[in-house]
Amino acid sequence: MSSDRYELVFSEGPDMSEDVVVVTATGQAGPGGHPVYADATGIVRAEISDQEEVRVLASGGGQDPARVVRVRPLP
């Protein structure tokens, strides 16, 4: 299943609070050959496979991308 937009749900800190970021297809392919999605700022970038496997991509030097808990397709 493939979508043009997804919600990425990140876990944060010991209390496991969540941050949700909406990403949209960029038209680019990632290192695994799957589509790359980015948020409106371009800071959050992720490669999402057709099996909804997510690889968060660093968009700048020194970044340590957070671990994605879930990905949800949007209409």
PDB file of N, CA and C in Angstrom:
ATOM      1  N   MET A   1       0.854  -1.184   0.000  1.00  0.00           N
ATOM      2  CA  MET A   1       0.000   0.000   0.000  1.00  0.00           C
ATOM      3  C   MET A   1       0.888   1.232   0.000  1.00  0.00           C
ATOM      4  N   SER A   2       0.544   2.204  -0.816  1.00  0.00           N
ATOM      5  CA  SER A   2       1.346   3.408  -0.931  1.00  0.00           C
ATOM      6  C   SER A   2       0.437   4.624  -0.853  1.00  0.00           C
ATOM      7  N   SER A   3       0.925   5.674  -0.225  1.00  0.00           N
ATOM      8  CA  SER A   3       0.155   6.900  -0.040  1.00  0.00           C
ATOM      9  C   SER A   3       1.056   8.085  -0.372  1.00  0.00           C
ATOM     10  N   ASP A   4       0.464   9.231  -0.686  1.00  0.00           N
ATOM     11  CA  ASP A   4       1.251  10.442  -0.918  1.00  0.00           C
ATOM     12  C   ASP A   4       1.598  11.144   0.382  1.00  0.00           C
ATOM     13  N   ARG A   5       0.845  10.838   1.463  1.00  0.00           N
ATOM     14  CA  ARG A   5       1.079  11.472   2.763  1.00  0.00           C
ATOM     15  C   ARG A   5       0.979  10.430   3.863  1.00  0.00           C
ATOM     16  N   TYR A   6       1.822  10.628   4.881  1.00  0.00           N
ATOM     17  CA  TYR A   6       1.814   9.748   6.050  1.00  0.00           C
ATOM     18  C   TYR A   6       1.957  10.579   7.315  1.00  0.00           C
ATOM     19  N   GLU A   7       1.499  10.013   8.422  1.00  0.00           N
ATOM     20  CA  GLU A   7       1.844  10.525   9.744  1.00  0.00           C
ATOM     21  C   GLU A   7       2.943   9.629  10.289  1.00  0.00           C
ATOM     22  N   LEU A   8       4.029  10.236  10.760  1.00  0.00           N
ATOM     23  CA  LEU A   8       5.072   9.508  11.455  1.00  0.00           C
ATOM     24  C   LEU A   8       4.882   9.789  12.934  1.00  0.00           C
ATOM     25  N   VAL A   9       4.820   8.752  13.747  1.00  0.00           N
ATOM     26  CA  VAL A   9       4.608   8.890  15.187  1.00  0.00           C
ATOM     27  C   VAL A   9       5.907   8.513  15.887  1.00  0.00           C
ATOM     28  N   PHE A  10       6.529   9.496  16.540  1.00  0.00           N
ATOM     29  CA  PHE A  10       7.808   9.313  17.224  1.00  0.00           C
ATOM     30  C   PHE A  10       7.577   9.209  18.722  1.00  0.00           C
ATOM     31  N   SER A  11       8.330   8.329  19.389  1.00  0.00           N
ATOM     32  CA  SER A  11       8.288   8.270  20.849  1.00  0.00           C
ATOM     33  C   SER A  11       9.380   9.175  21.387  1.00  0.00           C
ATOM     34  N   GLU A  12       9.106   9.839  22.487  1.00  0.00           N
ATOM     35  CA  GLU A  12      10.049  10.794  23.069  1.00  0.00           C
ATOM     36  C   GLU A  12      10.217  10.554  24.556  1.00  0.00           C
ATOM     37  N   GLY A  13      11.435  10.413  24.993  1.00  0.00           N
ATOM     38  CA  GLY A  13      11.765  10.392  26.409  1.00  0.00           C
ATOM     39  C   GLY A  13      11.243   9.190  27.167  1.00  0.00           C
ATOM     40  N   PRO A  14      11.563   9.171  28.462  1.00  0.00           N
ATOM     41  CA  PRO A  14      11.194   8.032  29.299  1.00  0.00           C
ATOM     42  C   PRO A  14       9.686   7.898  29.524  1.00  0.00           C
ATOM     43  N   ASP A  15       8.939   9.001  29.366  1.00  0.00           N
ATOM     44  CA  ASP A  15       7.488   8.921  29.564  1.00  0.00           C
ATOM     45  C   ASP A  15       6.766   8.444  28.306  1.00  0.00           C
ATOM     46  N   MET A  16       7.531   8.235  27.219  1.00  0.00           N
ATOM     47  CA  MET A  16       7.005   7.727  25.951  1.00  0.00           C
ATOM     48  C   MET A  16       5.921   8.619  25.352  1.00  0.00           C
ATOM     49  N   SER A  17       6.012   9.946  25.582  1.00  0.00           N
ATOM     50  CA  SER A  17       5.076  10.848  24.930  1.00  0.00           C
ATOM     51  C   SER A  17       5.333  10.783  23.425  1.00  0.00           C
ATOM     52  N   GLU A  18       4.341  11.160  22.648  1.00  0.00           N
ATOM     53  CA  GLU A  18       4.444  11.019  21.204  1.00  0.00           C
ATOM     54  C   GLU A  18       4.403  12.359  20.500  1.00  0.00           C
ATOM     55  N   ASP A  19       5.180  12.455  19.430  1.00  0.00           N
ATOM     56  CA  ASP A  19       5.123  13.572  18.499  1.00  0.00           C
ATOM     57  C   ASP A  19       4.684  13.013  17.157  1.00  0.00           C
ATOM     58  N   VAL A  20       3.753  13.708  16.501  1.00  0.00           N
ATOM     59  CA  VAL A  20       3.261  13.281  15.201  1.00  0.00           C
ATOM     60  C   VAL A  20       3.674  14.316  14.166  1.00  0.00           C
ATOM     61  N   VAL A  21       4.275  13.831  13.077  1.00  0.00           N
ATOM     62  CA  VAL A  21       4.725  14.698  11.988  1.00  0.00           C
ATOM     63  C   VAL A  21       4.101  14.185  10.695  1.00  0.00           C
ATOM     64  N   VAL A  22       3.496  15.086   9.911  1.00  0.00           N
ATOM     65  CA  VAL A  22       2.931  14.720   8.610  1.00  0.00           C
ATOM     66  C   VAL A  22       4.006  14.925   7.546  1.00  0.00           C
ATOM     67  N   VAL A  23       4.212  13.882   6.741  1.00  0.00           N
ATOM     68  CA  VAL A  23       5.198  13.945   5.655  1.00  0.00           C
ATOM     69  C   VAL A  23       4.494  13.687   4.333  1.00  0.00           C
ATOM     70  N   THR A  24       5.042  14.291   3.273  1.00  0.00           N
ATOM     71  CA  THR A  24       4.487  14.200   1.924  1.00  0.00           C
ATOM     72  C   THR A  24       5.565  13.694   0.972  1.00  0.00           C
ATOM     73  N   ALA A  25       5.152  12.962  -0.044  1.00  0.00           N
ATOM     74  CA  ALA A  25       6.086  12.425  -1.033  1.00  0.00           C
ATOM     75  C   ALA A  25       6.890  13.553  -1.685  1.00  0.00           C
ATOM     76  N   THR A  26       8.200  13.309  -1.857  1.00  0.00           N
ATOM     77  CA  THR A  26       9.089  14.307  -2.457  1.00  0.00           C
ATOM     78  C   THR A  26       9.370  14.032  -3.929  1.00  0.00           C
ATOM     79  N   GLY A  27       9.055  12.826  -4.406  1.00  0.00           N
ATOM     80  CA  GLY A  27       9.396  12.449  -5.773  1.00  0.00           C
ATOM     81  C   GLY A  27      10.805  11.882  -5.879  1.00  0.00           C
ATOM     82  N   GLN A  28      11.507  11.783  -4.758  1.00  0.00           N
ATOM     83  CA  GLN A  28      12.859  11.228  -4.731  1.00  0.00           C
ATOM     84  C   GLN A  28      12.812   9.811  -4.178  1.00  0.00           C
ATOM     85  N   ALA A  29      13.880   9.041  -4.456  1.00  0.00           N
ATOM     86  CA  ALA A  29      14.022   7.698  -3.901  1.00  0.00           C
ATOM     87  C   ALA A  29      15.154   7.704  -2.890  1.00  0.00           C
ATOM     88  N   GLY A  30      14.995   6.906  -1.841  1.00  0.00           N
ATOM     89  CA  GLY A  30      16.013   6.808  -0.805  1.00  0.00           C
ATOM     90  C   GLY A  30      17.037   5.735  -1.133  1.00  0.00           C
ATOM     91  N   PRO A  31      17.962   5.485  -0.199  1.00  0.00           N
ATOM     92  CA  PRO A  31      19.021   4.512  -0.422  1.00  0.00           C
ATOM     93  C   PRO A  31      18.504   3.092  -0.659  1.00  0.00           C
ATOM     94  N   GLY A  32      17.310   2.782  -0.171  1.00  0.00           N
ATOM     95  CA  GLY A  32      16.725   1.461  -0.377  1.00  0.00           C
ATOM     96  C   GLY A  32      15.879   1.373  -1.634  1.00  0.00           C
ATOM     97  N   GLY A  33      15.787   2.495  -2.382  1.00  0.00           N
ATOM     98  CA  GLY A  33      15.009   2.521  -3.618  1.00  0.00           C
ATOM     99  C   GLY A  33      13.540   2.844  -3.424  1.00  0.00           C
ATOM    100  N   HIS A  34      13.143   3.138  -2.188  1.00  0.00           N
ATOM    101  CA  HIS A  34      11.750   3.452  -1.894  1.00  0.00           C
ATOM    102  C   HIS A  34      11.545   4.970  -1.867  1.00  0.00           C
ATOM    103  N   PRO A  35      10.288   5.421  -1.991  1.00  0.00           N
ATOM    104  CA  PRO A  35      10.012   6.865  -1.992  1.00  0.00           C
ATOM    105  C   PRO A  35      10.444   7.554  -0.697  1.00  0.00           C
ATOM    106  N   VAL A  36      10.908   8.798  -0.862  1.00  0.00           N
ATOM    107  CA  VAL A  36      11.282   9.631   0.281  1.00  0.00           C
ATOM    108  C   VAL A  36      10.157  10.624   0.533  1.00  0.00           C
ATOM    109  N   TYR A  37       9.833  10.801   1.805  1.00  0.00           N
ATOM    110  CA  TYR A  37       8.794  11.730   2.252  1.00  0.00           C
ATOM    111  C   TYR A  37       9.438  12.744   3.180  1.00  0.00           C
ATOM    112  N   ALA A  38       8.912  13.981   3.176  1.00  0.00           N
ATOM    113  CA  ALA A  38       9.465  15.035   4.028  1.00  0.00           C
ATOM    114  C   ALA A  38       8.336  15.879   4.602  1.00  0.00           C
ATOM    115  N   ASP A  39       8.619  16.475   5.787  1.00  0.00           N
ATOM    116  CA  ASP A  39       7.639  17.401   6.359  1.00  0.00           C
ATOM    117  C   ASP A  39       7.769  18.746   5.657  1.00  0.00           C
ATOM    118  N   ALA A  40       6.920  19.697   6.019  1.00  0.00           N
ATOM    119  CA  ALA A  40       6.889  21.000   5.344  1.00  0.00           C
ATOM    120  C   ALA A  40       8.200  21.758   5.479  1.00  0.00           C
ATOM    121  N   THR A  41       8.953  21.515   6.565  1.00  0.00           N
ATOM    122  CA  THR A  41      10.220  22.223   6.764  1.00  0.00           C
ATOM    123  C   THR A  41      11.377  21.557   6.036  1.00  0.00           C
ATOM    124  N   GLY A  42      11.210  20.273   5.644  1.00  0.00           N
ATOM    125  CA  GLY A  42      12.294  19.526   5.013  1.00  0.00           C
ATOM    126  C   GLY A  42      13.260  18.929   6.026  1.00  0.00           C
ATOM    127  N   ILE A  43      13.018  19.160   7.300  1.00  0.00           N
ATOM    128  CA  ILE A  43      13.918  18.650   8.336  1.00  0.00           C
ATOM    129  C   ILE A  43      13.674  17.169   8.593  1.00  0.00           C
ATOM    130  N   VAL A  44      12.399  16.770   8.678  1.00  0.00           N
ATOM    131  CA  VAL A  44      12.077  15.362   8.885  1.00  0.00           C
ATOM    132  C   VAL A  44      11.931  14.712   7.514  1.00  0.00           C
ATOM    133  N   ARG A  45      12.808  13.742   7.237  1.00  0.00           N
ATOM    134  CA  ARG A  45      12.792  13.018   5.968  1.00  0.00           C
ATOM    135  C   ARG A  45      12.804  11.529   6.272  1.00  0.00           C
ATOM    136  N   ALA A  46      11.983  10.777   5.544  1.00  0.00           N
ATOM    137  CA  ALA A  46      11.897   9.340   5.785  1.00  0.00           C
ATOM    138  C   ALA A  46      11.660   8.603   4.473  1.00  0.00           C
ATOM    139  N   GLU A  47      12.301   7.454   4.368  1.00  0.00           N
ATOM    140  CA  GLU A  47      12.062   6.540   3.253  1.00  0.00           C
ATOM    141  C   GLU A  47      11.029   5.527   3.742  1.00  0.00           C
ATOM    142  N   ILE A  48       9.927   5.376   2.982  1.00  0.00           N
ATOM    143  CA  ILE A  48       8.846   4.482   3.387  1.00  0.00           C
ATOM    144  C   ILE A  48       8.596   3.478   2.268  1.00  0.00           C
ATOM    145  N   SER A  49       8.702   2.186   2.612  1.00  0.00           N
ATOM    146  CA  SER A  49       8.500   1.133   1.618  1.00  0.00           C
ATOM    147  C   SER A  49       7.011   0.878   1.405  1.00  0.00           C
ATOM    148  N   ASP A  50       6.690   0.066   0.384  1.00  0.00           N
ATOM    149  CA  ASP A  50       5.293  -0.279   0.130  1.00  0.00           C
ATOM    150  C   ASP A  50       4.735  -1.208   1.213  1.00  0.00           C
ATOM    151  N   GLN A  51       5.612  -1.718   2.098  1.00  0.00           N
ATOM    152  CA  GLN A  51       5.196  -2.506   3.254  1.00  0.00           C
ATOM    153  C   GLN A  51       5.110  -1.635   4.518  1.00  0.00           C
ATOM    154  N   GLU A  52       5.231  -0.312   4.324  1.00  0.00           N
ATOM    155  CA  GLU A  52       5.189   0.686   5.399  1.00  0.00           C
ATOM    156  C   GLU A  52       6.321   0.516   6.409  1.00  0.00           C
ATOM    157  N   GLU A  53       7.476   0.048   5.920  1.00  0.00           N
ATOM    158  CA  GLU A  53       8.697   0.036   6.723  1.00  0.00           C
ATOM    159  C   GLU A  53       9.321   1.407   6.576  1.00  0.00           C
ATOM    160  N   VAL A  54       9.798   1.972   7.682  1.00  0.00           N
ATOM    161  CA  VAL A  54      10.288   3.348   7.684  1.00  0.00           C
ATOM    162  C   VAL A  54      11.765   3.400   8.013  1.00  0.00           C
ATOM    163  N   ARG A  55      12.494   4.207   7.249  1.00  0.00           N
ATOM    164  CA  ARG A  55      13.894   4.523   7.563  1.00  0.00           C
ATOM    165  C   ARG A  55      13.980   6.046   7.620  1.00  0.00           C
ATOM    166  N   VAL A  56      14.192   6.587   8.817  1.00  0.00           N
ATOM    167  CA  VAL A  56      14.332   8.035   8.969  1.00  0.00           C
ATOM    168  C   VAL A  56      15.706   8.426   8.440  1.00  0.00           C
ATOM    169  N   LEU A  57      15.743   9.464   7.595  1.00  0.00           N
ATOM    170  CA  LEU A  57      16.973   9.916   6.963  1.00  0.00           C
ATOM    171  C   LEU A  57      17.448  11.209   7.612  1.00  0.00           C
ATOM    172  N   ALA A  58      18.719  11.298   7.908  1.00  0.00           N
ATOM    173  CA  ALA A  58      19.282  12.544   8.444  1.00  0.00           C
ATOM    174  C   ALA A  58      19.225  13.599   7.348  1.00  0.00           C
ATOM    175  N   SER A  59      18.770  14.802   7.701  1.00  0.00           N
ATOM    176  CA  SER A  59      18.691  15.889   6.715  1.00  0.00           C
ATOM    177  C   SER A  59      19.791  16.915   6.925  1.00  0.00           C
ATOM    178  N   GLY A  60      20.634  16.699   7.938  1.00  0.00           N
ATOM    179  CA  GLY A  60      21.743  17.616   8.199  1.00  0.00           C
ATOM    180  C   GLY A  60      22.805  16.935   9.035  1.00  0.00           C
ATOM    181  N   GLY A  61      23.967  17.515   9.062  1.00  0.00           N
ATOM    182  CA  GLY A  61      25.076  16.951   9.829  1.00  0.00           C
ATOM    183  C   GLY A  61      24.796  16.936  11.319  1.00  0.00           C
ATOM    184  N   GLY A  62      25.241  15.891  11.985  1.00  0.00           N
ATOM    185  CA  GLY A  62      25.106  15.803  13.428  1.00  0.00           C
ATOM    186  C   GLY A  62      23.735  15.405  13.917  1.00  0.00           C
ATOM    187  N   GLN A  63      22.807  15.117  13.012  1.00  0.00           N
ATOM    188  CA  GLN A  63      21.468  14.710  13.431  1.00  0.00           C
ATOM    189  C   GLN A  63      21.484  13.276  13.915  1.00  0.00           C
ATOM    190  N   ASP A  64      20.709  13.008  14.924  1.00  0.00           N
ATOM    191  CA  ASP A  64      20.499  11.659  15.427  1.00  0.00           C
ATOM    192  C   ASP A  64      18.996  11.409  15.361  1.00  0.00           C
ATOM    193  N   PRO A  65      18.501  10.880  14.216  1.00  0.00           N
ATOM    194  CA  PRO A  65      17.056  10.749  14.041  1.00  0.00           C
ATOM    195  C   PRO A  65      16.404   9.897  15.124  1.00  0.00           C
ATOM    196  N   ALA A  66      15.235  10.350  15.569  1.00  0.00           N
ATOM    197  CA  ALA A  66      14.463   9.616  16.573  1.00  0.00           C
ATOM    198  C   ALA A  66      13.935   8.326  15.970  1.00  0.00           C
ATOM    199  N   ARG A  67      13.569   7.433  16.837  1.00  0.00           N
ATOM    200  CA  ARG A  67      13.032   6.146  16.407  1.00  0.00           C
ATOM    201  C   ARG A  67      11.546   6.301  16.107  1.00  0.00           C
ATOM    202  N   VAL A  68      11.106   5.832  14.924  1.00  0.00           N
ATOM    203  CA  VAL A  68       9.694   5.888  14.572  1.00  0.00           C
ATOM    204  C   VAL A  68       8.964   4.723  15.213  1.00  0.00           C
ATOM    205  N   VAL A  69       7.870   5.037  15.864  1.00  0.00           N
ATOM    206  CA  VAL A  69       7.065   3.996  16.483  1.00  0.00           C
ATOM    207  C   VAL A  69       6.067   3.446  15.472  1.00  0.00           C
ATOM    208  N   ARG A  70       5.368   4.332  14.797  1.00  0.00           N
ATOM    209  CA  ARG A  70       4.337   3.917  13.841  1.00  0.00           C
ATOM    210  C   ARG A  70       4.326   4.851  12.636  1.00  0.00           C
ATOM    211  N   VAL A  71       3.784   4.342  11.546  1.00  0.00           N
ATOM    212  CA  VAL A  71       3.521   5.150  10.363  1.00  0.00           C
ATOM    213  C   VAL A  71       2.074   4.885   9.978  1.00  0.00           C
ATOM    214  N   ARG A  72       1.343   5.982   9.671  1.00  0.00           N
ATOM    215  CA  ARG A  72      -0.061   5.847   9.304  1.00  0.00           C
ATOM    216  C   ARG A  72      -0.296   6.579   7.981  1.00  0.00           C
ATOM    217  N   PRO A  73      -0.857   5.884   6.975  1.00  0.00           N
ATOM    218  CA  PRO A  73      -1.165   6.560   5.712  1.00  0.00           C
ATOM    219  C   PRO A  73      -2.312   7.553   5.903  1.00  0.00           C
ATOM    220  N   LEU A  74      -2.238   8.645   5.182  1.00  0.00           N
ATOM    221  CA  LEU A  74      -3.304   9.655   5.192  1.00  0.00           C
ATOM    222  C   LEU A  74      -3.969   9.687   3.826  1.00  0.00           C
ATOM    223  N   PRO A  75      -5.234  10.040   3.799  1.00  0.00           N
ATOM    224  CA  PRO A  75      -5.948  10.120   2.493  1.00  0.00           C
ATOM    225  C   PRO A  75      -5.406  11.249   1.645  1.00  0.00           C
TER     226      PRO A  75
END
